[in-house]
Amino acid sequence: MADPIAPSTSQAAGQPQERGGPAITPERLEAFDEAATAELARRLDEDDYPTPFAGLQDWHLMRALAIHRPELARPYVHLVDQEPFDEE
């Protein structure tokens, strides 16, 4: 199986995929282990992405792990927690 946290690129052309990169599927989430989750958390913590969308893709991936694989994401839940805010 492919690396679950690999950057979003098309297999054929090596170009970024349209519409947000690889889908977050149950199979992709199942491919994660502690090392892959730690690498994803490191990237999120460093927040050094070429575009805001790349960071958002990782954030959604960590959020999906927190929901579906909480045993892996528990040490990194602070990276997906959202502060409540007042819109007034």
PDB file of N, CA and C in Angstrom:
ATOM      1  N   MET A   1       0.851  -1.185   0.000  1.00  0.00           N
ATOM      2  CA  MET A   1       0.000   0.000   0.000  1.00  0.00           C
ATOM      3  C   MET A   1       0.893   1.243   0.000  1.00  0.00           C
ATOM      4  N   ALA A   2       0.392   2.290  -0.593  1.00  0.00           N
ATOM      5  CA  ALA A   2       1.124   3.553  -0.666  1.00  0.00           C
ATOM      6  C   ALA A   2       1.228   4.193   0.711  1.00  0.00           C
ATOM      7  N   ASP A   3       2.181   5.084   0.853  1.00  0.00           N
ATOM      8  CA  ASP A   3       2.379   5.825   2.085  1.00  0.00           C
ATOM      9  C   ASP A   3       1.114   6.615   2.409  1.00  0.00           C
ATOM     10  N   PRO A   4       0.508   6.414   3.598  1.00  0.00           N
ATOM     11  CA  PRO A   4      -0.754   7.083   3.896  1.00  0.00           C
ATOM     12  C   PRO A   4      -0.647   8.597   4.032  1.00  0.00           C
ATOM     13  N   ILE A   5       0.558   9.127   4.262  1.00  0.00           N
ATOM     14  CA  ILE A   5       0.699  10.577   4.411  1.00  0.00           C
ATOM     15  C   ILE A   5       1.476  11.211   3.276  1.00  0.00           C
ATOM     16  N   ALA A   6       1.650  10.470   2.193  1.00  0.00           N
ATOM     17  CA  ALA A   6       2.387  11.014   1.047  1.00  0.00           C
ATOM     18  C   ALA A   6       1.715  12.280   0.543  1.00  0.00           C
ATOM     19  N   PRO A   7       2.507  13.229   0.036  1.00  0.00           N
ATOM     20  CA  PRO A   7       1.922  14.447  -0.526  1.00  0.00           C
ATOM     21  C   PRO A   7       0.946  14.118  -1.637  1.00  0.00           C
ATOM     22  N   SER A   8       0.020  14.999  -1.853  1.00  0.00           N
ATOM     23  CA  SER A   8      -1.040  14.797  -2.843  1.00  0.00           C
ATOM     24  C   SER A   8      -0.517  15.037  -4.242  1.00  0.00           C
ATOM     25  N   THR A   9      -0.151  13.966  -4.946  1.00  0.00           N
ATOM     26  CA  THR A   9       0.292  14.105  -6.328  1.00  0.00           C
ATOM     27  C   THR A   9      -0.353  13.036  -7.177  1.00  0.00           C
ATOM     28  N   SER A  10      -0.530  13.357  -8.429  1.00  0.00           N
ATOM     29  CA  SER A  10      -1.097  12.404  -9.369  1.00  0.00           C
ATOM     30  C   SER A  10      -0.033  11.372  -9.718  1.00  0.00           C
ATOM     31  N   GLN A  11      -0.415  10.120  -9.793  1.00  0.00           N
ATOM     32  CA  GLN A  11       0.528   9.063 -10.137  1.00  0.00           C
ATOM     33  C   GLN A  11       1.087   9.247 -11.535  1.00  0.00           C
ATOM     34  N   ALA A  12       0.256   9.678 -12.468  1.00  0.00           N
ATOM     35  CA  ALA A  12       0.672   9.731 -13.865  1.00  0.00           C
ATOM     36  C   ALA A  12       1.575  10.916 -14.162  1.00  0.00           C
ATOM     37  N   ALA A  13       1.184  12.094 -13.772  1.00  0.00           N
ATOM     38  CA  ALA A  13       1.903  13.283 -14.205  1.00  0.00           C
ATOM     39  C   ALA A  13       2.772  13.903 -13.123  1.00  0.00           C
ATOM     40  N   GLY A  14       2.649  13.450 -11.888  1.00  0.00           N
ATOM     41  CA  GLY A  14       3.421  14.056 -10.819  1.00  0.00           C
ATOM     42  C   GLY A  14       2.950  15.452 -10.469  1.00  0.00           C
ATOM     43  N   GLN A  15       1.756  15.805 -10.901  1.00  0.00           N
ATOM     44  CA  GLN A  15       1.191  17.125 -10.636  1.00  0.00           C
ATOM     45  C   GLN A  15       0.213  17.034  -9.478  1.00  0.00           C
ATOM     46  N   PRO A  16       0.034  18.140  -8.743  1.00  0.00           N
ATOM     47  CA  PRO A  16      -0.961  18.112  -7.662  1.00  0.00           C
ATOM     48  C   PRO A  16      -2.332  17.729  -8.216  1.00  0.00           C
ATOM     49  N   GLN A  17      -3.023  16.925  -7.436  1.00  0.00           N
ATOM     50  CA  GLN A  17      -4.356  16.512  -7.846  1.00  0.00           C
ATOM     51  C   GLN A  17      -5.334  17.656  -7.675  1.00  0.00           C
ATOM     52  N   GLU A  18      -6.322  17.676  -8.513  1.00  0.00           N
ATOM     53  CA  GLU A  18      -7.395  18.636  -8.366  1.00  0.00           C
ATOM     54  C   GLU A  18      -8.291  18.179  -7.229  1.00  0.00           C
ATOM     55  N   ARG A  19      -9.012  19.100  -6.645  1.00  0.00           N
ATOM     56  CA  ARG A  19     -10.036  18.822  -5.657  1.00  0.00           C
ATOM     57  C   ARG A  19      -9.499  18.184  -4.397  1.00  0.00           C
ATOM     58  N   GLY A  20      -8.361  18.623  -3.881  1.00  0.00           N
ATOM     59  CA  GLY A  20      -7.957  18.275  -2.540  1.00  0.00           C
ATOM     60  C   GLY A  20      -7.111  17.051  -2.305  1.00  0.00           C
ATOM     61  N   GLY A  21      -6.562  16.446  -3.314  1.00  0.00           N
ATOM     62  CA  GLY A  21      -5.640  15.357  -3.087  1.00  0.00           C
ATOM     63  C   GLY A  21      -6.330  14.028  -2.837  1.00  0.00           C
ATOM     64  N   PRO A  22      -5.572  13.060  -2.316  1.00  0.00           N
ATOM     65  CA  PRO A  22      -6.122  11.728  -2.137  1.00  0.00           C
ATOM     66  C   PRO A  22      -7.278  11.735  -1.137  1.00  0.00           C
ATOM     67  N   ALA A  23      -8.262  10.919  -1.418  1.00  0.00           N
ATOM     68  CA  ALA A  23      -9.428  10.823  -0.540  1.00  0.00           C
ATOM     69  C   ALA A  23      -9.035  10.191   0.793  1.00  0.00           C
ATOM     70  N   ILE A  24      -9.738  10.597   1.823  1.00  0.00           N
ATOM     71  CA  ILE A  24      -9.554   9.984   3.133  1.00  0.00           C
ATOM     72  C   ILE A  24     -10.523   8.814   3.197  1.00  0.00           C
ATOM     73  N   THR A  25      -9.995   7.635   2.968  1.00  0.00           N
ATOM     74  CA  THR A  25     -10.799   6.417   2.926  1.00  0.00           C
ATOM     75  C   THR A  25     -10.521   5.567   4.168  1.00  0.00           C
ATOM     76  N   PRO A  26     -11.419   4.646   4.486  1.00  0.00           N
ATOM     77  CA  PRO A  26     -11.137   3.733   5.607  1.00  0.00           C
ATOM     78  C   PRO A  26      -9.823   2.978   5.419  1.00  0.00           C
ATOM     79  N   GLU A  27      -9.520   2.619   4.168  1.00  0.00           N
ATOM     80  CA  GLU A  27      -8.266   1.890   3.902  1.00  0.00           C
ATOM     81  C   GLU A  27      -7.051   2.775   4.188  1.00  0.00           C
ATOM     82  N   ARG A  28      -7.138   4.035   3.807  1.00  0.00           N
ATOM     83  CA  ARG A  28      -6.024   4.956   4.062  1.00  0.00           C
ATOM     84  C   ARG A  28      -5.826   5.149   5.559  1.00  0.00           C
ATOM     85  N   LEU A  29      -6.915   5.313   6.303  1.00  0.00           N
ATOM     86  CA  LEU A  29      -6.808   5.487   7.751  1.00  0.00           C
ATOM     87  C   LEU A  29      -6.261   4.225   8.409  1.00  0.00           C
ATOM     88  N   GLU A  30      -6.660   3.070   7.912  1.00  0.00           N
ATOM     89  CA  GLU A  30      -6.180   1.806   8.468  1.00  0.00           C
ATOM     90  C   GLU A  30      -4.684   1.613   8.229  1.00  0.00           C
ATOM     91  N   ALA A  31      -4.153   2.221   7.175  1.00  0.00           N
ATOM     92  CA  ALA A  31      -2.726   2.097   6.857  1.00  0.00           C
ATOM     93  C   ALA A  31      -1.835   2.866   7.827  1.00  0.00           C
ATOM     94  N   PHE A  32      -2.410   3.770   8.606  1.00  0.00           N
ATOM     95  CA  PHE A  32      -1.606   4.547   9.550  1.00  0.00           C
ATOM     96  C   PHE A  32      -1.138   3.698  10.707  1.00  0.00           C
ATOM     97  N   ASP A  33       0.090   3.964  11.133  1.00  0.00           N
ATOM     98  CA  ASP A  33       0.626   3.375  12.350  1.00  0.00           C
ATOM     99  C   ASP A  33       1.157   4.528  13.208  1.00  0.00           C
ATOM    100  N   GLU A  34       1.783   4.221  14.315  1.00  0.00           N
ATOM    101  CA  GLU A  34       2.268   5.276  15.213  1.00  0.00           C
ATOM    102  C   GLU A  34       3.295   6.175  14.531  1.00  0.00           C
ATOM    103  N   ALA A  35       4.182   5.600  13.742  1.00  0.00           N
ATOM    104  CA  ALA A  35       5.227   6.392  13.083  1.00  0.00           C
ATOM    105  C   ALA A  35       4.626   7.345  12.045  1.00  0.00           C
ATOM    106  N   ALA A  36       3.670   6.870  11.239  1.00  0.00           N
ATOM    107  CA  ALA A  36       3.041   7.729  10.232  1.00  0.00           C
ATOM    108  C   ALA A  36       2.236   8.841  10.899  1.00  0.00           C
ATOM    109  N   THR A  37       1.569   8.516  12.000  1.00  0.00           N
ATOM    110  CA  THR A  37       0.793   9.526  12.721  1.00  0.00           C
ATOM    111  C   THR A  37       1.725  10.563  13.328  1.00  0.00           C
ATOM    112  N   ALA A  38       2.856  10.132  13.870  1.00  0.00           N
ATOM    113  CA  ALA A  38       3.828  11.071  14.438  1.00  0.00           C
ATOM    114  C   ALA A  38       4.393  11.995  13.363  1.00  0.00           C
ATOM    115  N   GLU A  39       4.625  11.475  12.168  1.00  0.00           N
ATOM    116  CA  GLU A  39       5.124  12.292  11.064  1.00  0.00           C
ATOM    117  C   GLU A  39       4.079  13.320  10.639  1.00  0.00           C
ATOM    118  N   LEU A  40       2.831  12.909  10.562  1.00  0.00           N
ATOM    119  CA  LEU A  40       1.753  13.836  10.231  1.00  0.00           C
ATOM    120  C   LEU A  40       1.659  14.931  11.293  1.00  0.00           C
ATOM    121  N   ALA A  41       1.749  14.557  12.555  1.00  0.00           N
ATOM    122  CA  ALA A  41       1.706  15.535  13.652  1.00  0.00           C
ATOM    123  C   ALA A  41       2.892  16.493  13.581  1.00  0.00           C
ATOM    124  N   ARG A  42       4.065  15.984  13.232  1.00  0.00           N
ATOM    125  CA  ARG A  42       5.237  16.855  13.117  1.00  0.00           C
ATOM    126  C   ARG A  42       5.004  17.912  12.046  1.00  0.00           C
ATOM    127  N   ARG A  43       4.485  17.482  10.893  1.00  0.00           N
ATOM    128  CA  ARG A  43       4.221  18.443   9.815  1.00  0.00           C
ATOM    129  C   ARG A  43       3.213  19.498  10.250  1.00  0.00           C
ATOM    130  N   LEU A  44       2.155  19.056  10.929  1.00  0.00           N
ATOM    131  CA  LEU A  44       1.148  20.012  11.395  1.00  0.00           C
ATOM    132  C   LEU A  44       1.738  20.970  12.424  1.00  0.00           C
ATOM    133  N   ASP A  45       2.560  20.462  13.310  1.00  0.00           N
ATOM    134  CA  ASP A  45       3.158  21.295  14.352  1.00  0.00           C
ATOM    135  C   ASP A  45       4.120  22.318  13.769  1.00  0.00           C
ATOM    136  N   GLU A  46       4.908  21.910  12.783  1.00  0.00           N
ATOM    137  CA  GLU A  46       5.857  22.835  12.155  1.00  0.00           C
ATOM    138  C   GLU A  46       5.152  23.858  11.264  1.00  0.00           C
ATOM    139  N   ASP A  47       4.006  23.489  10.719  1.00  0.00           N
ATOM    140  CA  ASP A  47       3.178  24.397   9.907  1.00  0.00           C
ATOM    141  C   ASP A  47       3.986  25.093   8.821  1.00  0.00           C
ATOM    142  N   ASP A  48       4.785  24.315   8.105  1.00  0.00           N
ATOM    143  CA  ASP A  48       5.613  24.861   7.030  1.00  0.00           C
ATOM    144  C   ASP A  48       5.164  24.244   5.707  1.00  0.00           C
ATOM    145  N   TYR A  49       4.023  24.694   5.218  1.00  0.00           N
ATOM    146  CA  TYR A  49       3.424  24.151   4.008  1.00  0.00           C
ATOM    147  C   TYR A  49       3.593  25.130   2.857  1.00  0.00           C
ATOM    148  N   PRO A  50       3.685  24.612   1.635  1.00  0.00           N
ATOM    149  CA  PRO A  50       3.831  25.503   0.480  1.00  0.00           C
ATOM    150  C   PRO A  50       2.563  26.319   0.214  1.00  0.00           C
ATOM    151  N   THR A  51       1.409  25.773   0.589  1.00  0.00           N
ATOM    152  CA  THR A  51       0.147  26.495   0.430  1.00  0.00           C
ATOM    153  C   THR A  51      -0.719  26.234   1.657  1.00  0.00           C
ATOM    154  N   PRO A  52      -1.661  27.128   1.935  1.00  0.00           N
ATOM    155  CA  PRO A  52      -2.579  26.872   3.054  1.00  0.00           C
ATOM    156  C   PRO A  52      -3.404  25.606   2.835  1.00  0.00           C
ATOM    157  N   PHE A  53      -3.667  25.270   1.584  1.00  0.00           N
ATOM    158  CA  PHE A  53      -4.476  24.093   1.293  1.00  0.00           C
ATOM    159  C   PHE A  53      -3.757  22.800   1.650  1.00  0.00           C
ATOM    160  N   ALA A  54      -2.446  22.770   1.515  1.00  0.00           N
ATOM    161  CA  ALA A  54      -1.675  21.581   1.894  1.00  0.00           C
ATOM    162  C   ALA A  54      -1.792  21.338   3.397  1.00  0.00           C
ATOM    163  N   GLY A  55      -1.699  22.400   4.168  1.00  0.00           N
ATOM    164  CA  GLY A  55      -1.865  22.272   5.611  1.00  0.00           C
ATOM    165  C   GLY A  55      -3.270  21.845   5.986  1.00  0.00           C
ATOM    166  N   LEU A  56      -4.253  22.356   5.276  1.00  0.00           N
ATOM    167  CA  LEU A  56      -5.637  22.000   5.541  1.00  0.00           C
ATOM    168  C   LEU A  56      -5.890  20.527   5.236  1.00  0.00           C
ATOM    169  N   GLN A  57      -5.265  20.005   4.194  1.00  0.00           N
ATOM    170  CA  GLN A  57      -5.393  18.569   3.883  1.00  0.00           C
ATOM    171  C   GLN A  57      -4.870  17.726   5.040  1.00  0.00           C
ATOM    172  N   ASP A  58      -3.698  18.097   5.571  1.00  0.00           N
ATOM    173  CA  ASP A  58      -3.147  17.353   6.705  1.00  0.00           C
ATOM    174  C   ASP A  58      -4.047  17.477   7.929  1.00  0.00           C
ATOM    175  N   TRP A  59      -4.602  18.675   8.153  1.00  0.00           N
ATOM    176  CA  TRP A  59      -5.482  18.889   9.303  1.00  0.00           C
ATOM    177  C   TRP A  59      -6.703  17.970   9.199  1.00  0.00           C
ATOM    178  N   HIS A  60      -7.306  17.888   8.007  1.00  0.00           N
ATOM    179  CA  HIS A  60      -8.462  17.018   7.824  1.00  0.00           C
ATOM    180  C   HIS A  60      -8.088  15.551   8.027  1.00  0.00           C
ATOM    181  N   LEU A  61      -6.905  15.192   7.603  1.00  0.00           N
ATOM    182  CA  LEU A  61      -6.438  13.818   7.787  1.00  0.00           C
ATOM    183  C   LEU A  61      -6.261  13.505   9.276  1.00  0.00           C
ATOM    184  N   MET A  62      -5.645  14.411  10.033  1.00  0.00           N
ATOM    185  CA  MET A  62      -5.474  14.186  11.471  1.00  0.00           C
ATOM    186  C   MET A  62      -6.830  14.157  12.165  1.00  0.00           C
ATOM    187  N   ARG A  63      -7.743  15.003  11.744  1.00  0.00           N
ATOM    188  CA  ARG A  63      -9.087  15.017  12.327  1.00  0.00           C
ATOM    189  C   ARG A  63      -9.787  13.680  12.072  1.00  0.00           C
ATOM    190  N   ALA A  64      -9.663  13.145  10.866  1.00  0.00           N
ATOM    191  CA  ALA A  64     -10.256  11.842  10.554  1.00  0.00           C
ATOM    192  C   ALA A  64      -9.630  10.747  11.417  1.00  0.00           C
ATOM    193  N   LEU A  65      -8.328  10.820  11.634  1.00  0.00           N
ATOM    194  CA  LEU A  65      -7.676   9.851  12.519  1.00  0.00           C
ATOM    195  C   LEU A  65      -8.194   9.980  13.942  1.00  0.00           C
ATOM    196  N   ALA A  66      -8.396  11.204  14.404  1.00  0.00           N
ATOM    197  CA  ALA A  66      -8.901  11.418  15.762  1.00  0.00           C
ATOM    198  C   ALA A  66     -10.294  10.813  15.934  1.00  0.00           C
ATOM    199  N   ILE A  67     -11.080  10.834  14.872  1.00  0.00           N
ATOM    200  CA  ILE A  67     -12.433  10.286  14.928  1.00  0.00           C
ATOM    201  C   ILE A  67     -12.423   8.767  14.775  1.00  0.00           C
ATOM    202  N   HIS A  68     -11.690   8.261  13.791  1.00  0.00           N
ATOM    203  CA  HIS A  68     -11.754   6.843  13.443  1.00  0.00           C
ATOM    204  C   HIS A  68     -10.661   5.974  14.052  1.00  0.00           C
ATOM    205  N   ARG A  69      -9.537   6.577  14.422  1.00  0.00           N
ATOM    206  CA  ARG A  69      -8.419   5.831  15.037  1.00  0.00           C
ATOM    207  C   ARG A  69      -7.916   6.608  16.255  1.00  0.00           C
ATOM    208  N   PRO A  70      -8.782   6.852  17.239  1.00  0.00           N
ATOM    209  CA  PRO A  70      -8.406   7.710  18.364  1.00  0.00           C
ATOM    210  C   PRO A  70      -7.182   7.230  19.139  1.00  0.00           C
ATOM    211  N   GLU A  71      -6.928   5.934  19.107  1.00  0.00           N
ATOM    212  CA  GLU A  71      -5.756   5.415  19.821  1.00  0.00           C
ATOM    213  C   GLU A  71      -4.455   5.956  19.229  1.00  0.00           C
ATOM    214  N   LEU A  72      -4.453   6.262  17.942  1.00  0.00           N
ATOM    215  CA  LEU A  72      -3.256   6.826  17.304  1.00  0.00           C
ATOM    216  C   LEU A  72      -3.182   8.339  17.473  1.00  0.00           C
ATOM    217  N   ALA A  73      -4.313   9.010  17.419  1.00  0.00           N
ATOM    218  CA  ALA A  73      -4.332  10.473  17.401  1.00  0.00           C
ATOM    219  C   ALA A  73      -4.381  11.103  18.791  1.00  0.00           C
ATOM    220  N   ARG A  74      -4.655  10.333  19.812  1.00  0.00           N
ATOM    221  CA  ARG A  74      -4.828  10.888  21.164  1.00  0.00           C
ATOM    222  C   ARG A  74      -3.681  11.808  21.592  1.00  0.00           C
ATOM    223  N   PRO A  75      -2.408  11.456  21.380  1.00  0.00           N
ATOM    224  CA  PRO A  75      -1.328  12.363  21.805  1.00  0.00           C
ATOM    225  C   PRO A  75      -1.283  13.680  21.020  1.00  0.00           C
ATOM    226  N   TYR A  76      -1.979  13.742  19.909  1.00  0.00           N
ATOM    227  CA  TYR A  76      -1.896  14.911  19.027  1.00  0.00           C
ATOM    228  C   TYR A  76      -3.219  15.653  18.887  1.00  0.00           C
ATOM    229  N   VAL A  77      -4.173  15.342  19.751  1.00  0.00           N
ATOM    230  CA  VAL A  77      -5.504  15.938  19.630  1.00  0.00           C
ATOM    231  C   VAL A  77      -5.446  17.465  19.717  1.00  0.00           C
ATOM    232  N   HIS A  78      -4.437  17.999  20.391  1.00  0.00           N
ATOM    233  CA  HIS A  78      -4.311  19.462  20.487  1.00  0.00           C
ATOM    234  C   HIS A  78      -4.121  20.103  19.104  1.00  0.00           C
ATOM    235  N   LEU A  79      -3.675  19.339  18.135  1.00  0.00           N
ATOM    236  CA  LEU A  79      -3.469  19.878  16.789  1.00  0.00           C
ATOM    237  C   LEU A  79      -4.772  20.033  16.011  1.00  0.00           C
ATOM    238  N   VAL A  80      -5.829  19.379  16.456  1.00  0.00           N
ATOM    239  CA  VAL A  80      -7.114  19.495  15.754  1.00  0.00           C
ATOM    240  C   VAL A  80      -8.189  20.155  16.600  1.00  0.00           C
ATOM    241  N   ASP A  81      -7.913  20.399  17.864  1.00  0.00           N
ATOM    242  CA  ASP A  81      -8.883  21.096  18.700  1.00  0.00           C
ATOM    243  C   ASP A  81      -9.114  22.488  18.154  1.00  0.00           C
ATOM    244  N   GLN A  82     -10.355  22.906  18.215  1.00  0.00           N
ATOM    245  CA  GLN A  82     -10.701  24.252  17.777  1.00  0.00           C
ATOM    246  C   GLN A  82     -11.173  25.045  18.981  1.00  0.00           C
ATOM    247  N   GLU A  83     -10.693  26.252  19.067  1.00  0.00           N
ATOM    248  CA  GLU A  83     -11.123  27.140  20.130  1.00  0.00           C
ATOM    249  C   GLU A  83     -12.506  27.691  19.792  1.00  0.00           C
ATOM    250  N   PRO A  84     -13.402  27.715  20.766  1.00  0.00           N
ATOM    251  CA  PRO A  84     -14.700  28.337  20.493  1.00  0.00           C
ATOM    252  C   PRO A  84     -14.503  29.838  20.317  1.00  0.00           C
ATOM    253  N   PHE A  85     -15.326  30.439  19.492  1.00  0.00           N
ATOM    254  CA  PHE A  85     -15.214  31.874  19.293  1.00  0.00           C
ATOM    255  C   PHE A  85     -16.601  32.480  19.189  1.00  0.00           C
ATOM    256  N   ASP A  86     -16.664  33.748  19.463  1.00  0.00           N
ATOM    257  CA  ASP A  86     -17.912  34.487  19.438  1.00  0.00           C
ATOM    258  C   ASP A  86     -17.960  35.291  18.150  1.00  0.00           C
ATOM    259  N   GLU A  87     -18.979  35.070  17.356  1.00  0.00           N
ATOM    260  CA  GLU A  87     -19.077  35.780  16.069  1.00  0.00           C
ATOM    261  C   GLU A  87     -19.673  37.160  16.194  1.00  0.00           C
ATOM    262  N   GLU A  88     -20.081  37.565  17.374  1.00  0.00           N
ATOM    263  CA  GLU A  88     -20.691  38.887  17.545  1.00  0.00           C
ATOM    264  C   GLU A  88     -19.672  39.985  17.565  1.00  0.00           C
TER     265      GLU A  88
END
